[in-house]
Amino acid sequence: MINNALGIGIQGIQDGMVGMENAARKIARGGADGPKGSAEGAGNLAEPIIEMNLYERSVEASAQVVKTADETLGTLLDLRA
């Protein structure tokens, strides 16, 4: 069960990091989602900034899952010793 929690936490961190990278690319392009050089969506930075914040919170929550699973595993090992 702890391995499962660790796996879910690590996967959540990885997914959040990918999401943050994608949002950062959108911000770097000035919010444009269309083809390179296209004016489609240019200047709309609110959405990628909000996405960046959401992914940041997701990474923080997943890191807490990993931390809790690690602490639980440590406690179980201490009890067996």
N, C-alpha and C. Protein backbone atom coordinates (compact mmCIF):
# COMPACT_ATOMS: atom_id res chain seq x y z
N MET A 1 0.82 -1.19 0.00
CA MET A 1 0.00 0.00 0.00
C MET A 1 0.87 1.27 0.00
N ILE A 2 1.95 1.23 0.74
CA ILE A 2 2.83 2.40 0.79
C ILE A 2 3.52 2.59 -0.56
N ASN A 3 3.91 1.48 -1.19
CA ASN A 3 4.50 1.59 -2.53
C ASN A 3 3.53 2.23 -3.50
N ASN A 4 2.26 1.87 -3.39
CA ASN A 4 1.24 2.46 -4.24
C ASN A 4 1.14 3.96 -4.00
N ALA A 5 1.15 4.37 -2.75
CA ALA A 5 1.07 5.80 -2.42
C ALA A 5 2.30 6.54 -2.94
N LEU A 6 3.46 5.92 -2.79
CA LEU A 6 4.69 6.53 -3.32
C LEU A 6 4.61 6.68 -4.84
N GLY A 7 4.14 5.65 -5.51
CA GLY A 7 4.01 5.69 -6.96
C GLY A 7 3.05 6.77 -7.43
N ILE A 8 1.92 6.88 -6.75
CA ILE A 8 0.94 7.90 -7.10
C ILE A 8 1.52 9.29 -6.86
N GLY A 9 2.21 9.47 -5.76
CA GLY A 9 2.82 10.77 -5.46
C GLY A 9 3.87 11.15 -6.47
N ILE A 10 4.72 10.21 -6.83
CA ILE A 10 5.78 10.49 -7.81
C ILE A 10 5.17 10.78 -9.17
N GLN A 11 4.16 10.01 -9.57
CA GLN A 11 3.50 10.26 -10.86
C GLN A 11 2.83 11.63 -10.87
N GLY A 12 2.25 12.02 -9.74
CA GLY A 12 1.63 13.34 -9.64
C GLY A 12 2.66 14.46 -9.79
N ILE A 13 3.83 14.26 -9.20
CA ILE A 13 4.90 15.26 -9.33
C ILE A 13 5.35 15.36 -10.79
N GLN A 14 5.54 14.21 -11.42
CA GLN A 14 5.97 14.21 -12.83
C GLN A 14 4.93 14.88 -13.73
N ASP A 15 3.66 14.54 -13.54
CA ASP A 15 2.59 15.14 -14.34
C ASP A 15 2.52 16.65 -14.12
N GLY A 16 2.67 17.05 -12.88
CA GLY A 16 2.63 18.48 -12.57
C GLY A 16 3.79 19.23 -13.20
N MET A 17 4.96 18.62 -13.20
CA MET A 17 6.12 19.27 -13.82
C MET A 17 5.93 19.42 -15.33
N VAL A 18 5.37 18.40 -15.96
CA VAL A 18 5.10 18.49 -17.41
C VAL A 18 4.10 19.61 -17.67
N GLY A 19 3.06 19.68 -16.85
CA GLY A 19 2.07 20.74 -17.00
C GLY A 19 2.67 22.12 -16.81
N MET A 20 3.56 22.24 -15.83
CA MET A 20 4.21 23.53 -15.60
C MET A 20 5.10 23.91 -16.78
N GLU A 21 5.79 22.94 -17.35
CA GLU A 21 6.63 23.22 -18.52
C GLU A 21 5.79 23.70 -19.70
N ASN A 22 4.65 23.05 -19.92
CA ASN A 22 3.76 23.46 -21.02
C ASN A 22 3.21 24.86 -20.79
N ALA A 23 2.81 25.15 -19.55
CA ALA A 23 2.31 26.49 -19.24
C ALA A 23 3.41 27.53 -19.41
N ALA A 24 4.63 27.18 -19.02
CA ALA A 24 5.75 28.11 -19.17
C ALA A 24 6.01 28.41 -20.65
N ARG A 25 5.88 27.39 -21.49
CA ARG A 25 6.06 27.61 -22.94
C ARG A 25 5.00 28.57 -23.47
N LYS A 26 3.75 28.40 -23.01
CA LYS A 26 2.68 29.30 -23.44
C LYS A 26 2.98 30.73 -23.00
N ILE A 27 3.47 30.88 -21.78
CA ILE A 27 3.80 32.21 -21.26
C ILE A 27 4.94 32.81 -22.08
N ALA A 28 5.95 31.99 -22.39
CA ALA A 28 7.09 32.48 -23.17
C ALA A 28 6.67 32.92 -24.57
N ARG A 29 5.65 32.26 -25.11
CA ARG A 29 5.14 32.64 -26.43
C ARG A 29 4.16 33.80 -26.35
N GLY A 30 3.97 34.33 -25.18
CA GLY A 30 3.04 35.44 -25.02
C GLY A 30 1.59 34.99 -24.99
N GLY A 31 1.37 33.75 -24.65
CA GLY A 31 0.01 33.23 -24.55
C GLY A 31 -0.52 32.67 -25.85
N ALA A 32 0.25 32.74 -26.92
CA ALA A 32 -0.21 32.26 -28.22
C ALA A 32 -0.21 30.74 -28.26
N ASP A 33 -1.33 30.15 -28.65
CA ASP A 33 -1.44 28.70 -28.79
C ASP A 33 -1.46 28.27 -30.24
N GLY A 34 -1.58 29.21 -31.14
CA GLY A 34 -1.67 28.89 -32.56
C GLY A 34 -0.30 28.57 -33.13
N PRO A 35 -0.25 28.39 -34.46
CA PRO A 35 1.03 28.11 -35.11
C PRO A 35 2.03 29.23 -34.89
N LYS A 36 3.31 28.89 -34.98
CA LYS A 36 4.36 29.87 -34.75
C LYS A 36 4.16 31.08 -35.66
N GLY A 37 4.21 32.25 -35.06
CA GLY A 37 4.04 33.48 -35.81
C GLY A 37 2.58 33.90 -35.95
N SER A 38 1.67 33.05 -35.48
CA SER A 38 0.25 33.36 -35.58
C SER A 38 -0.16 34.33 -34.48
N ALA A 39 -1.14 35.14 -34.78
CA ALA A 39 -1.65 36.08 -33.79
C ALA A 39 -2.75 35.45 -32.95
N GLU A 40 -3.12 34.21 -33.26
CA GLU A 40 -4.20 33.53 -32.55
C GLU A 40 -3.84 33.34 -31.08
N GLY A 41 -4.60 33.95 -30.22
CA GLY A 41 -4.39 33.83 -28.79
C GLY A 41 -3.25 34.65 -28.25
N ALA A 42 -2.60 35.45 -29.08
CA ALA A 42 -1.46 36.25 -28.63
C ALA A 42 -1.88 37.24 -27.56
N GLY A 43 -1.07 37.36 -26.53
CA GLY A 43 -1.31 38.34 -25.48
C GLY A 43 -2.20 37.84 -24.36
N ASN A 44 -2.76 36.66 -24.47
CA ASN A 44 -3.64 36.13 -23.43
C ASN A 44 -2.80 35.30 -22.46
N LEU A 45 -2.27 35.95 -21.45
CA LEU A 45 -1.38 35.28 -20.50
C LEU A 45 -2.10 34.78 -19.25
N ALA A 46 -3.32 35.22 -19.05
CA ALA A 46 -4.02 34.86 -17.81
C ALA A 46 -4.18 33.35 -17.67
N GLU A 47 -4.62 32.68 -18.72
CA GLU A 47 -4.87 31.25 -18.63
C GLU A 47 -3.61 30.44 -18.34
N PRO A 48 -2.49 30.67 -19.07
CA PRO A 48 -1.30 29.88 -18.74
C PRO A 48 -0.72 30.20 -17.35
N ILE A 49 -0.91 31.42 -16.87
CA ILE A 49 -0.44 31.75 -15.52
C ILE A 49 -1.27 31.01 -14.49
N ILE A 50 -2.57 30.95 -14.70
CA ILE A 50 -3.45 30.21 -13.79
C ILE A 50 -3.09 28.73 -13.83
N GLU A 51 -2.86 28.19 -15.05
CA GLU A 51 -2.45 26.79 -15.19
C GLU A 51 -1.16 26.52 -14.42
N MET A 52 -0.21 27.44 -14.54
CA MET A 52 1.07 27.29 -13.85
C MET A 52 0.84 27.20 -12.34
N ASN A 53 -0.02 28.06 -11.81
CA ASN A 53 -0.30 28.03 -10.37
C ASN A 53 -0.99 26.73 -9.97
N LEU A 54 -1.92 26.25 -10.79
CA LEU A 54 -2.61 25.00 -10.47
C LEU A 54 -1.65 23.81 -10.49
N TYR A 55 -0.78 23.77 -11.48
CA TYR A 55 0.20 22.68 -11.54
C TYR A 55 1.18 22.77 -10.37
N GLU A 56 1.53 23.98 -9.97
CA GLU A 56 2.42 24.14 -8.82
C GLU A 56 1.78 23.55 -7.57
N ARG A 57 0.50 23.84 -7.36
CA ARG A 57 -0.21 23.28 -6.20
C ARG A 57 -0.31 21.76 -6.29
N SER A 58 -0.49 21.27 -7.50
CA SER A 58 -0.56 19.81 -7.71
C SER A 58 0.75 19.15 -7.33
N VAL A 59 1.87 19.76 -7.72
CA VAL A 59 3.19 19.23 -7.37
C VAL A 59 3.38 19.26 -5.85
N GLU A 60 2.97 20.35 -5.23
CA GLU A 60 3.11 20.46 -3.77
C GLU A 60 2.29 19.39 -3.06
N ALA A 61 1.06 19.15 -3.53
CA ALA A 61 0.21 18.12 -2.92
C ALA A 61 0.81 16.73 -3.11
N SER A 62 1.31 16.47 -4.31
CA SER A 62 1.92 15.17 -4.58
C SER A 62 3.18 14.97 -3.75
N ALA A 63 3.96 16.02 -3.56
CA ALA A 63 5.15 15.94 -2.72
C ALA A 63 4.77 15.62 -1.28
N GLN A 64 3.65 16.15 -0.83
CA GLN A 64 3.18 15.85 0.53
C GLN A 64 2.78 14.39 0.64
N VAL A 65 2.18 13.83 -0.41
CA VAL A 65 1.83 12.40 -0.42
C VAL A 65 3.10 11.56 -0.27
N VAL A 66 4.14 11.91 -1.04
CA VAL A 66 5.42 11.18 -0.96
C VAL A 66 6.01 11.32 0.43
N LYS A 67 5.99 12.51 0.99
CA LYS A 67 6.55 12.74 2.33
C LYS A 67 5.80 11.91 3.38
N THR A 68 4.48 11.89 3.30
CA THR A 68 3.69 11.13 4.27
C THR A 68 3.95 9.64 4.14
N ALA A 69 4.03 9.14 2.92
CA ALA A 69 4.32 7.71 2.72
C ALA A 69 5.70 7.37 3.25
N ASP A 70 6.67 8.26 3.04
CA ASP A 70 8.03 8.05 3.54
C ASP A 70 8.04 8.01 5.07
N GLU A 71 7.33 8.93 5.69
CA GLU A 71 7.27 8.96 7.16
C GLU A 71 6.58 7.71 7.70
N THR A 72 5.52 7.27 7.02
CA THR A 72 4.81 6.07 7.45
C THR A 72 5.72 4.85 7.35
N LEU A 73 6.44 4.75 6.25
CA LEU A 73 7.38 3.65 6.07
C LEU A 73 8.46 3.68 7.16
N GLY A 74 8.97 4.85 7.47
CA GLY A 74 9.97 4.99 8.53
C GLY A 74 9.43 4.54 9.87
N THR A 75 8.20 4.91 10.16
CA THR A 75 7.58 4.51 11.43
C THR A 75 7.41 3.00 11.49
N LEU A 76 6.97 2.41 10.39
CA LEU A 76 6.80 0.95 10.35
C LEU A 76 8.13 0.24 10.55
N LEU A 77 9.18 0.76 9.93
CA LEU A 77 10.50 0.13 10.11
C LEU A 77 10.99 0.29 11.55
N ASP A 78 10.72 1.43 12.16
CA ASP A 78 11.12 1.63 13.56
C ASP A 78 10.38 0.67 14.48
N LEU A 79 9.12 0.39 14.20
CA LEU A 79 8.34 -0.52 15.03
C LEU A 79 8.85 -1.95 14.93
N ARG A 80 9.36 -2.32 13.75
CA ARG A 80 9.86 -3.67 13.55
C ARG A 80 11.24 -3.87 14.14
N ALA A 81 11.96 -2.78 14.39
CA ALA A 81 13.33 -2.88 14.87
C ALA A 81 13.40 -3.17 16.35
